[in-house]
Amino acid sequence: MFDKLLMASLLAGTALLGPGGAHAAGYPEKTIRLVVPYAPGGASDILARVLAQKLSDSLGQQMIVDNKPGAGGT
């Protein structure tokens, strides 16, 4: 009886210790790219650059504004 209880306790303890080593990586871990579907210099480009700067400061990760005219298609 004692052997079964000891074995069950050891098994339960081992099962609880296993997931302790697994953890998710910090997000975001790469540079964030913000795609603006209009040419540079317009109001949407300026707004995207201001937004990217604010988000970069708050997230602690670099953001790149990527202007791609025509990317707003269907």
C-alpha atoms as a PDB file:
ATOM      1  CA  MET A   1       0.000   0.000   0.000  1.00  0.00           C
ATOM      2  CA  PHE A   2       2.766   2.402   0.981  1.00  0.00           C
ATOM      3  CA  ASP A   3       4.698   1.591  -2.217  1.00  0.00           C
ATOM      4  CA  LYS A   4       1.704   2.463  -4.400  1.00  0.00           C
ATOM      5  CA  LEU A   5       1.172   5.741  -2.546  1.00  0.00           C
ATOM      6  CA  LEU A   6       4.863   6.617  -2.833  1.00  0.00           C
ATOM      7  CA  MET A   7       4.916   5.787  -6.547  1.00  0.00           C
ATOM      8  CA  ALA A   8       1.752   7.833  -7.188  1.00  0.00           C
ATOM      9  CA  SER A   9       3.195  10.796  -5.272  1.00  0.00           C
ATOM     10  CA  LEU A  10       6.465  10.670  -7.203  1.00  0.00           C
ATOM     11  CA  LEU A  11       4.612  10.401 -10.497  1.00  0.00           C
ATOM     12  CA  ALA A  12       2.363  13.364  -9.631  1.00  0.00           C
ATOM     13  CA  GLY A  13       5.359  15.437  -8.525  1.00  0.00           C
ATOM     14  CA  THR A  14       7.227  14.665 -11.742  1.00  0.00           C
ATOM     15  CA  ALA A  15       4.180  15.561 -13.834  1.00  0.00           C
ATOM     16  CA  LEU A  16       3.857  18.926 -12.090  1.00  0.00           C
ATOM     17  CA  LEU A  17       7.523  19.814 -12.569  1.00  0.00           C
ATOM     18  CA  GLY A  18       7.552  19.086 -16.314  1.00  0.00           C
ATOM     19  CA  PRO A  19       5.678  22.129 -17.675  1.00  0.00           C
ATOM     20  CA  GLY A  20       7.748  24.567 -15.590  1.00  0.00           C
ATOM     21  CA  GLY A  21      10.494  24.775 -18.223  1.00  0.00           C
ATOM     22  CA  ALA A  22       8.182  25.585 -21.119  1.00  0.00           C
ATOM     23  CA  HIS A  23       7.369  29.240 -21.627  1.00  0.00           C
ATOM     24  CA  ALA A  24       6.442  31.423 -24.546  1.00  0.00           C
ATOM     25  CA  ALA A  25       8.954  33.747 -26.155  1.00  0.00           C
ATOM     26  CA  GLY A  26       8.489  37.462 -25.670  1.00  0.00           C
ATOM     27  CA  TYR A  27       6.284  39.130 -28.245  1.00  0.00           C
ATOM     28  CA  PRO A  28       7.287  40.726 -30.533  1.00  0.00           C
ATOM     29  CA  GLU A  29      10.771  39.374 -30.991  1.00  0.00           C
ATOM     30  CA  LYS A  30      11.353  40.624 -34.552  1.00  0.00           C
ATOM     31  CA  THR A  31      11.106  44.002 -36.235  1.00  0.00           C
ATOM     32  CA  ILE A  32       7.483  44.933 -36.969  1.00  0.00           C
ATOM     33  CA  ARG A  33       6.694  46.083 -40.505  1.00  0.00           C
ATOM     34  CA  LEU A  34       3.732  48.408 -41.001  1.00  0.00           C
ATOM     35  CA  VAL A  35       2.572  48.328 -44.636  1.00  0.00           C
ATOM     36  CA  VAL A  36       0.970  51.552 -45.874  1.00  0.00           C
ATOM     37  CA  PRO A  37      -0.856  51.064 -49.208  1.00  0.00           C
ATOM     38  CA  TYR A  38      -0.166  54.619 -50.411  1.00  0.00           C
ATOM     39  CA  ALA A  39       2.821  56.565 -51.729  1.00  0.00           C
ATOM     40  CA  PRO A  40       5.152  58.240 -49.207  1.00  0.00           C
ATOM     41  CA  GLY A  41       4.495  61.846 -48.227  1.00  0.00           C
ATOM     42  CA  GLY A  42       0.728  61.723 -47.888  1.00  0.00           C
ATOM     43  CA  ALA A  43      -1.395  62.058 -44.781  1.00  0.00           C
ATOM     44  CA  SER A  44      -1.624  58.295 -44.301  1.00  0.00           C
ATOM     45  CA  ASP A  45       2.172  57.998 -44.484  1.00  0.00           C
ATOM     46  CA  ILE A  46       2.688  60.723 -41.883  1.00  0.00           C
ATOM     47  CA  LEU A  47       0.068  59.178 -39.600  1.00  0.00           C
ATOM     48  CA  ALA A  48       1.656  55.732 -39.976  1.00  0.00           C
ATOM     49  CA  ARG A  49       5.104  57.106 -39.097  1.00  0.00           C
ATOM     50  CA  VAL A  50       3.783  58.863 -35.972  1.00  0.00           C
ATOM     51  CA  LEU A  51       1.903  55.708 -34.960  1.00  0.00           C
ATOM     52  CA  ALA A  52       4.974  53.545 -35.596  1.00  0.00           C
ATOM     53  CA  GLN A  53       7.128  55.800 -33.409  1.00  0.00           C
ATOM     54  CA  LYS A  54       4.648  55.705 -30.515  1.00  0.00           C
ATOM     55  CA  LEU A  55       4.189  51.929 -30.766  1.00  0.00           C
ATOM     56  CA  SER A  56       7.930  51.406 -31.037  1.00  0.00           C
ATOM     57  CA  ASP A  57       8.445  53.334 -27.805  1.00  0.00           C
ATOM     58  CA  SER A  58       5.714  51.450 -25.937  1.00  0.00           C
ATOM     59  CA  LEU A  59       6.575  47.956 -27.236  1.00  0.00           C
ATOM     60  CA  GLY A  60      10.332  48.369 -27.100  1.00  0.00           C
ATOM     61  CA  GLN A  61      10.663  46.950 -30.601  1.00  0.00           C
ATOM     62  CA  GLN A  62      11.646  48.641 -33.852  1.00  0.00           C
ATOM     63  CA  MET A  63       8.862  49.354 -36.350  1.00  0.00           C
ATOM     64  CA  ILE A  64       9.411  50.009 -40.048  1.00  0.00           C
ATOM     65  CA  VAL A  65       6.882  51.847 -42.217  1.00  0.00           C
ATOM     66  CA  ASP A  66       6.818  50.183 -45.642  1.00  0.00           C
ATOM     67  CA  ASN A  67       5.024  52.216 -48.322  1.00  0.00           C
ATOM     68  CA  LYS A  68       3.646  50.004 -51.082  1.00  0.00           C
ATOM     69  CA  PRO A  69       1.368  51.930 -53.433  1.00  0.00           C
ATOM     70  CA  GLY A  70      -1.323  49.627 -54.762  1.00  0.00           C
ATOM     71  CA  ALA A  71      -1.144  47.237 -51.804  1.00  0.00           C
ATOM     72  CA  GLY A  72      -4.689  48.194 -50.831  1.00  0.00           C
ATOM     73  CA  GLY A  73      -6.209  46.141 -53.639  1.00  0.00           C
ATOM     74  CA  THR A  74      -8.633  43.305 -53.202  1.00  0.00           C
END
